[in-house]
Amino acid sequence: MTTQSYTLSTQRQGFYKITAKVRDALQKSGVVSGICVVYCPHITGAITLNENADPDVVHDLLLGLDSAFPEDKRFRHFEGNSTAHLKSGATGVSQTVIVENGDLLLGRWQDLYFCEFDGPRTRTFYVKIIEDVHRA
C-alpha cells in the first residue's frame, strides 16, 4: 500500500479535475490491480466523480448545490461558511475507484474532481492505492 499527497490552489467555489494527479499516484505505486481511494481532509471541500465532457455539468452541479443549500441568516457558524460545510457533507470527502490493468476503471465520460465550496484556499488531497494481493 502506498499513499501520495497532492496540493492545489483553489478559488471561491469550483470543481478541479484531479484525475491526472490520481493516475500519477497509481503509476508511482506500480499497482496493476486493486483499489484507489481519493480522500479530502477538509471540511469545506469534497471529492466527486462526475462527467468530464460538458463543462455545463459542473456549472449545473454548483447551481444545484447552491439551490439545495442557500445562504441563510439563521446559520450560527461564526466563520459564515455553513453552506460550504453542508455541500461537503452532502457530496462526500472520498471516492473509491477500481484499479485494473494498471489504470483507473473509469467510464468514458468520468473524471475525479476536488470540490471547493469555500476558499480561496491551498488544499491537500490524498491518494491511497491498495493492491489486490489475491489476484489469480
N, C-alpha and C. Protein backbone atom coordinates (compact mmCIF):
# COMPACT_ATOMS: atom_id res chain seq x y z
N MET A 1 0.85 -1.18 0.00
CA MET A 1 0.00 0.00 0.00
C MET A 1 0.89 1.24 0.00
N THR A 2 0.39 2.25 -0.67
CA THR A 2 1.14 3.50 -0.74
C THR A 2 0.16 4.67 -0.69
N THR A 3 0.60 5.76 -0.11
CA THR A 3 -0.21 6.97 -0.03
C THR A 3 0.59 8.14 -0.58
N GLN A 4 -0.04 8.91 -1.47
CA GLN A 4 0.57 10.12 -2.02
C GLN A 4 -0.30 11.31 -1.60
N SER A 5 0.33 12.43 -1.34
CA SER A 5 -0.44 13.65 -1.08
C SER A 5 -0.19 14.65 -2.21
N TYR A 6 -1.22 15.41 -2.51
CA TYR A 6 -1.16 16.41 -3.58
C TYR A 6 -1.77 17.70 -3.05
N THR A 7 -1.26 18.81 -3.56
CA THR A 7 -1.73 20.14 -3.16
C THR A 7 -2.24 20.88 -4.38
N LEU A 8 -3.31 21.65 -4.18
CA LEU A 8 -3.78 22.52 -5.25
C LEU A 8 -4.30 23.82 -4.66
N SER A 9 -4.25 24.87 -5.46
CA SER A 9 -4.79 26.17 -5.07
C SER A 9 -6.16 26.31 -5.71
N THR A 10 -7.12 26.76 -4.91
CA THR A 10 -8.50 26.85 -5.40
C THR A 10 -9.01 28.28 -5.30
N GLN A 11 -10.12 28.50 -5.96
CA GLN A 11 -10.83 29.78 -5.89
C GLN A 11 -12.02 29.61 -4.96
N ARG A 12 -12.89 30.59 -4.93
CA ARG A 12 -14.03 30.59 -4.01
C ARG A 12 -14.83 29.29 -4.07
N GLN A 13 -15.26 28.90 -5.24
CA GLN A 13 -16.08 27.71 -5.39
C GLN A 13 -15.83 27.14 -6.78
N GLY A 14 -15.68 25.84 -6.87
CA GLY A 14 -15.47 25.24 -8.17
C GLY A 14 -15.09 23.78 -8.06
N PHE A 15 -15.05 23.13 -9.22
CA PHE A 15 -14.64 21.73 -9.32
C PHE A 15 -13.33 21.71 -10.09
N TYR A 16 -12.34 21.01 -9.56
CA TYR A 16 -11.00 20.97 -10.14
C TYR A 16 -10.67 19.53 -10.50
N LYS A 17 -10.40 19.28 -11.78
CA LYS A 17 -10.07 17.92 -12.22
C LYS A 17 -8.77 17.48 -11.57
N ILE A 18 -8.80 16.30 -10.97
CA ILE A 18 -7.61 15.76 -10.32
C ILE A 18 -7.26 14.36 -10.85
N THR A 19 -7.93 13.90 -11.88
CA THR A 19 -7.70 12.55 -12.40
C THR A 19 -6.24 12.33 -12.78
N ALA A 20 -5.60 13.30 -13.42
CA ALA A 20 -4.20 13.13 -13.84
C ALA A 20 -3.30 12.94 -12.62
N LYS A 21 -3.55 13.66 -11.54
CA LYS A 21 -2.74 13.51 -10.33
C LYS A 21 -2.98 12.15 -9.68
N VAL A 22 -4.22 11.68 -9.73
CA VAL A 22 -4.53 10.37 -9.17
C VAL A 22 -3.84 9.28 -10.00
N ARG A 23 -3.86 9.44 -11.32
CA ARG A 23 -3.16 8.48 -12.18
C ARG A 23 -1.65 8.51 -11.92
N ASP A 24 -1.12 9.69 -11.61
CA ASP A 24 0.29 9.81 -11.26
C ASP A 24 0.61 8.97 -10.02
N ALA A 25 -0.25 9.06 -9.02
CA ALA A 25 -0.06 8.26 -7.80
C ALA A 25 -0.13 6.78 -8.11
N LEU A 26 -1.05 6.40 -8.97
CA LEU A 26 -1.19 5.00 -9.36
C LEU A 26 0.06 4.51 -10.07
N GLN A 27 0.55 5.29 -11.00
CA GLN A 27 1.76 4.91 -11.73
C GLN A 27 2.94 4.75 -10.78
N LYS A 28 3.11 5.69 -9.86
CA LYS A 28 4.21 5.62 -8.89
C LYS A 28 4.11 4.38 -8.01
N SER A 29 2.90 3.91 -7.75
CA SER A 29 2.70 2.76 -6.88
C SER A 29 3.09 1.45 -7.55
N GLY A 30 2.96 1.40 -8.88
CA GLY A 30 3.23 0.16 -9.60
C GLY A 30 2.13 -0.88 -9.47
N VAL A 31 1.03 -0.54 -8.83
CA VAL A 31 -0.07 -1.48 -8.64
C VAL A 31 -0.80 -1.69 -9.97
N VAL A 32 -1.10 -2.96 -10.26
CA VAL A 32 -1.78 -3.32 -11.50
C VAL A 32 -3.26 -3.61 -11.26
N SER A 33 -3.57 -4.13 -10.07
CA SER A 33 -4.95 -4.48 -9.75
C SER A 33 -5.19 -4.18 -8.27
N GLY A 34 -6.31 -3.53 -7.98
CA GLY A 34 -6.63 -3.19 -6.60
C GLY A 34 -7.69 -2.12 -6.55
N ILE A 35 -7.56 -1.26 -5.55
CA ILE A 35 -8.48 -0.12 -5.43
C ILE A 35 -7.68 1.15 -5.12
N CYS A 36 -8.28 2.25 -5.48
CA CYS A 36 -7.69 3.56 -5.26
C CYS A 36 -8.70 4.39 -4.48
N VAL A 37 -8.27 4.92 -3.36
CA VAL A 37 -9.12 5.78 -2.55
C VAL A 37 -8.57 7.20 -2.63
N VAL A 38 -9.43 8.15 -2.97
CA VAL A 38 -9.06 9.56 -3.01
C VAL A 38 -9.82 10.24 -1.88
N TYR A 39 -9.08 10.93 -1.00
CA TYR A 39 -9.65 11.47 0.22
C TYR A 39 -9.29 12.95 0.41
N CYS A 40 -10.27 13.72 0.83
CA CYS A 40 -10.11 15.15 1.13
C CYS A 40 -10.23 15.36 2.64
N PRO A 41 -9.18 15.88 3.30
CA PRO A 41 -9.25 16.08 4.74
C PRO A 41 -9.83 17.44 5.17
N HIS A 42 -10.49 18.12 4.25
CA HIS A 42 -11.02 19.46 4.54
C HIS A 42 -12.54 19.40 4.69
N ILE A 43 -13.06 20.12 5.69
CA ILE A 43 -14.50 20.04 5.97
C ILE A 43 -15.34 20.97 5.10
N THR A 44 -14.70 21.75 4.25
CA THR A 44 -15.47 22.57 3.29
C THR A 44 -15.05 22.24 1.86
N GLY A 45 -14.47 21.07 1.67
CA GLY A 45 -14.11 20.55 0.35
C GLY A 45 -14.69 19.16 0.22
N ALA A 46 -14.57 18.58 -0.96
CA ALA A 46 -15.11 17.24 -1.20
C ALA A 46 -14.40 16.63 -2.40
N ILE A 47 -14.67 15.36 -2.62
CA ILE A 47 -14.18 14.65 -3.80
C ILE A 47 -15.40 14.04 -4.48
N THR A 48 -15.49 14.23 -5.79
CA THR A 48 -16.60 13.63 -6.52
C THR A 48 -16.11 13.02 -7.83
N LEU A 49 -16.92 12.18 -8.38
CA LEU A 49 -16.68 11.54 -9.67
C LEU A 49 -17.85 11.95 -10.55
N ASN A 50 -17.54 12.63 -11.67
CA ASN A 50 -18.64 13.12 -12.49
C ASN A 50 -18.19 13.30 -13.93
N GLU A 51 -19.09 13.83 -14.74
CA GLU A 51 -18.86 13.96 -16.18
C GLU A 51 -17.74 14.94 -16.50
N ASN A 52 -16.95 14.59 -17.52
CA ASN A 52 -15.83 15.44 -17.93
C ASN A 52 -16.01 16.06 -19.31
N ALA A 53 -17.06 15.68 -20.04
CA ALA A 53 -17.19 16.10 -21.43
C ALA A 53 -17.83 17.48 -21.60
N ASP A 54 -18.81 17.78 -20.80
CA ASP A 54 -19.57 19.02 -20.96
C ASP A 54 -19.35 19.91 -19.73
N PRO A 55 -18.65 21.04 -19.87
CA PRO A 55 -18.39 21.91 -18.72
C PRO A 55 -19.66 22.46 -18.08
N ASP A 56 -20.77 22.42 -18.82
CA ASP A 56 -22.03 22.88 -18.24
C ASP A 56 -22.50 21.98 -17.10
N VAL A 57 -22.03 20.72 -17.07
CA VAL A 57 -22.40 19.82 -15.98
C VAL A 57 -21.86 20.36 -14.66
N VAL A 58 -20.60 20.77 -14.64
CA VAL A 58 -20.02 21.34 -13.42
C VAL A 58 -20.78 22.60 -13.01
N HIS A 59 -21.08 23.45 -13.97
CA HIS A 59 -21.89 24.65 -13.69
C HIS A 59 -23.22 24.26 -13.04
N ASP A 60 -23.88 23.26 -13.64
CA ASP A 60 -25.19 22.84 -13.15
C ASP A 60 -25.09 22.20 -11.76
N LEU A 61 -24.02 21.44 -11.51
CA LEU A 61 -23.83 20.85 -10.19
C LEU A 61 -23.70 21.94 -9.13
N LEU A 62 -22.88 22.95 -9.43
CA LEU A 62 -22.71 24.06 -8.48
C LEU A 62 -24.01 24.82 -8.28
N LEU A 63 -24.74 25.05 -9.36
CA LEU A 63 -26.03 25.73 -9.27
C LEU A 63 -27.01 24.92 -8.42
N GLY A 64 -27.04 23.60 -8.65
CA GLY A 64 -27.93 22.74 -7.87
C GLY A 64 -27.57 22.72 -6.40
N LEU A 65 -26.27 22.67 -6.10
CA LEU A 65 -25.85 22.70 -4.69
C LEU A 65 -26.16 24.04 -4.05
N ASP A 66 -25.99 25.13 -4.80
CA ASP A 66 -26.36 26.45 -4.27
C ASP A 66 -27.86 26.52 -3.99
N SER A 67 -28.66 25.91 -4.86
CA SER A 67 -30.12 25.90 -4.65
C SER A 67 -30.51 25.03 -3.47
N ALA A 68 -29.83 23.89 -3.33
CA ALA A 68 -30.15 22.97 -2.23
C ALA A 68 -29.69 23.52 -0.88
N PHE A 69 -28.59 24.29 -0.90
CA PHE A 69 -28.01 24.80 0.33
C PHE A 69 -27.79 26.30 0.22
N PRO A 70 -28.87 27.10 0.21
CA PRO A 70 -28.71 28.55 0.09
C PRO A 70 -28.21 29.18 1.38
N GLU A 71 -27.62 30.36 1.25
CA GLU A 71 -27.23 31.13 2.43
C GLU A 71 -28.49 31.37 3.27
N ASP A 72 -28.33 31.36 4.56
CA ASP A 72 -29.48 31.55 5.45
C ASP A 72 -29.01 32.36 6.66
N LYS A 73 -29.66 33.46 6.92
CA LYS A 73 -29.24 34.34 8.02
C LYS A 73 -29.39 33.67 9.38
N ARG A 74 -30.10 32.54 9.44
CA ARG A 74 -30.27 31.83 10.71
C ARG A 74 -29.05 30.96 11.05
N PHE A 75 -28.15 30.73 10.09
CA PHE A 75 -26.96 29.94 10.37
C PHE A 75 -26.15 30.63 11.46
N ARG A 76 -25.60 29.85 12.36
CA ARG A 76 -24.88 30.40 13.51
C ARG A 76 -23.37 30.28 13.41
N HIS A 77 -22.86 29.47 12.51
CA HIS A 77 -21.41 29.24 12.44
C HIS A 77 -20.69 30.57 12.25
N PHE A 78 -19.76 30.87 13.16
CA PHE A 78 -19.14 32.19 13.21
C PHE A 78 -18.30 32.52 11.98
N GLU A 79 -17.80 31.49 11.26
CA GLU A 79 -16.99 31.77 10.06
C GLU A 79 -17.85 32.14 8.85
N GLY A 80 -19.15 31.91 8.94
CA GLY A 80 -20.05 32.31 7.85
C GLY A 80 -20.00 31.40 6.63
N ASN A 81 -19.52 30.17 6.78
CA ASN A 81 -19.44 29.28 5.63
C ASN A 81 -20.22 27.98 5.85
N SER A 82 -21.35 28.10 6.52
CA SER A 82 -22.17 26.91 6.79
C SER A 82 -22.59 26.20 5.51
N THR A 83 -22.87 26.95 4.47
CA THR A 83 -23.27 26.29 3.21
C THR A 83 -22.13 25.42 2.66
N ALA A 84 -20.88 25.84 2.84
CA ALA A 84 -19.75 25.03 2.40
C ALA A 84 -19.69 23.72 3.17
N HIS A 85 -19.97 23.77 4.45
CA HIS A 85 -20.00 22.55 5.27
C HIS A 85 -21.12 21.62 4.81
N LEU A 86 -22.27 22.18 4.54
CA LEU A 86 -23.41 21.38 4.08
C LEU A 86 -23.12 20.71 2.74
N LYS A 87 -22.54 21.46 1.81
CA LYS A 87 -22.22 20.91 0.49
C LYS A 87 -21.19 19.80 0.59
N SER A 88 -20.18 19.98 1.43
CA SER A 88 -19.17 18.95 1.62
C SER A 88 -19.79 17.68 2.20
N GLY A 89 -20.63 17.86 3.20
CA GLY A 89 -21.29 16.70 3.82
C GLY A 89 -22.17 15.94 2.85
N ALA A 90 -22.85 16.67 1.98
CA ALA A 90 -23.74 16.03 1.01
C ALA A 90 -22.97 15.36 -0.13
N THR A 91 -21.84 15.95 -0.51
CA THR A 91 -21.06 15.43 -1.63
C THR A 91 -20.16 14.27 -1.20
N GLY A 92 -19.54 14.39 -0.05
CA GLY A 92 -18.67 13.34 0.47
C GLY A 92 -17.21 13.67 0.28
N VAL A 93 -16.38 13.20 1.20
CA VAL A 93 -14.97 13.56 1.20
C VAL A 93 -14.06 12.52 0.55
N SER A 94 -14.64 11.45 -0.01
CA SER A 94 -13.79 10.46 -0.66
C SER A 94 -14.52 9.74 -1.78
N GLN A 95 -13.71 9.15 -2.65
CA GLN A 95 -14.20 8.29 -3.72
C GLN A 95 -13.28 7.08 -3.80
N THR A 96 -13.83 5.95 -4.14
CA THR A 96 -13.06 4.73 -4.35
C THR A 96 -13.24 4.29 -5.79
N VAL A 97 -12.12 4.01 -6.46
CA VAL A 97 -12.15 3.59 -7.86
C VAL A 97 -11.38 2.28 -7.99
N ILE A 98 -11.91 1.36 -8.76
CA ILE A 98 -11.23 0.10 -9.02
C ILE A 98 -10.02 0.35 -9.91
N VAL A 99 -8.93 -0.37 -9.62
CA VAL A 99 -7.73 -0.34 -10.45
C VAL A 99 -7.65 -1.67 -11.18
N GLU A 100 -7.55 -1.62 -12.48
CA GLU A 100 -7.43 -2.83 -13.29
C GLU A 100 -6.48 -2.57 -14.44
N ASN A 101 -5.60 -3.51 -14.69
CA ASN A 101 -4.59 -3.38 -15.75
C ASN A 101 -3.76 -2.11 -15.60
N GLY A 102 -3.48 -1.72 -14.36
CA GLY A 102 -2.63 -0.58 -14.09
C GLY A 102 -3.27 0.77 -14.33
N ASP A 103 -4.60 0.81 -14.47
CA ASP A 103 -5.27 2.09 -14.70
C ASP A 103 -6.55 2.16 -13.89
N LEU A 104 -7.07 3.38 -13.73
CA LEU A 104 -8.34 3.58 -13.06
C LEU A 104 -9.46 3.07 -13.95
N LEU A 105 -10.38 2.34 -13.37
CA LEU A 105 -11.51 1.81 -14.14
C LEU A 105 -12.63 2.85 -14.13
N LEU A 106 -12.43 3.88 -14.95
CA LEU A 106 -13.39 4.98 -15.07
C LEU A 106 -14.19 4.82 -16.36
N GLY A 107 -15.39 5.34 -16.35
CA GLY A 107 -16.19 5.39 -17.56
C GLY A 107 -15.63 6.42 -18.52
N ARG A 108 -16.02 6.32 -19.77
CA ARG A 108 -15.52 7.20 -20.82
C ARG A 108 -15.66 8.68 -20.46
N TRP A 109 -16.74 9.05 -19.82
CA TRP A 109 -17.03 10.46 -19.56
C TRP A 109 -16.75 10.86 -18.12
N GLN A 110 -16.05 10.03 -17.36
CA GLN A 110 -15.84 10.30 -15.94
C GLN A 110 -14.46 10.89 -15.65
N ASP A 111 -14.43 11.80 -14.70
CA ASP A 111 -13.20 12.33 -14.11
C ASP A 111 -13.42 12.48 -12.61
N LEU A 112 -12.32 12.48 -11.89
CA LEU A 112 -12.34 12.78 -10.47
C LEU A 112 -12.14 14.28 -10.29
N TYR A 113 -12.86 14.86 -9.34
CA TYR A 113 -12.81 16.29 -9.09
C TYR A 113 -12.61 16.56 -7.61
N PHE A 114 -11.78 17.57 -7.32
CA PHE A 114 -11.75 18.17 -6.00
C PHE A 114 -12.80 19.28 -6.02
N CYS A 115 -13.69 19.27 -5.06
CA CYS A 115 -14.76 20.27 -4.99
C CYS A 115 -14.40 21.30 -3.93
N GLU A 116 -14.29 22.54 -4.35
CA GLU A 116 -14.04 23.65 -3.43
C GLU A 116 -15.35 24.35 -3.16
N PHE A 117 -15.76 24.37 -1.89
CA PHE A 117 -17.00 25.03 -1.52
C PHE A 117 -16.77 26.27 -0.67
N ASP A 118 -15.51 26.62 -0.45
CA ASP A 118 -15.16 27.78 0.36
C ASP A 118 -14.07 28.54 -0.38
N GLY A 119 -12.97 28.80 0.24
CA GLY A 119 -11.81 29.34 -0.45
C GLY A 119 -11.84 30.85 -0.66
N PRO A 120 -10.83 31.34 -1.35
CA PRO A 120 -9.74 30.57 -1.95
C PRO A 120 -8.86 29.94 -0.86
N ARG A 121 -8.31 28.79 -1.20
CA ARG A 121 -7.52 28.02 -0.24
C ARG A 121 -6.40 27.27 -0.96
N THR A 122 -5.43 26.86 -0.18
CA THR A 122 -4.48 25.84 -0.63
C THR A 122 -4.97 24.54 -0.01
N ARG A 123 -5.29 23.58 -0.85
CA ARG A 123 -5.91 22.34 -0.40
C ARG A 123 -4.98 21.15 -0.62
N THR A 124 -5.18 20.14 0.17
CA THR A 124 -4.45 18.89 0.04
C THR A 124 -5.47 17.78 -0.14
N PHE A 125 -5.12 16.78 -0.97
CA PHE A 125 -5.92 15.56 -1.00
C PHE A 125 -4.95 14.39 -1.05
N TYR A 126 -5.43 13.25 -0.62
CA TYR A 126 -4.60 12.06 -0.52
C TYR A 126 -5.12 10.97 -1.45
N VAL A 127 -4.17 10.20 -1.98
CA VAL A 127 -4.50 9.07 -2.84
C VAL A 127 -3.83 7.84 -2.22
N LYS A 128 -4.64 6.85 -1.89
CA LYS A 128 -4.13 5.60 -1.33
C LYS A 128 -4.44 4.49 -2.32
N ILE A 129 -3.40 3.78 -2.71
CA ILE A 129 -3.53 2.67 -3.65
C ILE A 129 -3.36 1.38 -2.85
N ILE A 130 -4.32 0.50 -2.95
CA ILE A 130 -4.29 -0.78 -2.24
C ILE A 130 -4.27 -1.90 -3.26
N GLU A 131 -3.22 -2.68 -3.21
CA GLU A 131 -3.02 -3.75 -4.18
C GLU A 131 -3.87 -4.98 -3.84
N ASP A 132 -4.42 -5.58 -4.87
CA ASP A 132 -5.16 -6.83 -4.74
C ASP A 132 -4.13 -7.96 -4.66
N VAL A 133 -3.88 -8.44 -3.46
CA VAL A 133 -2.85 -9.48 -3.29
C VAL A 133 -3.39 -10.88 -3.56
N HIS A 134 -4.68 -11.00 -3.80
CA HIS A 134 -5.30 -12.30 -4.05
C HIS A 134 -5.61 -12.53 -5.53
N ARG A 135 -4.96 -11.77 -6.40
CA ARG A 135 -5.19 -11.94 -7.84
C ARG A 135 -4.80 -13.34 -8.26
N ALA A 136 -5.55 -13.84 -9.18
CA ALA A 136 -5.26 -15.19 -9.71
C ALA A 136 -4.16 -15.11 -10.74
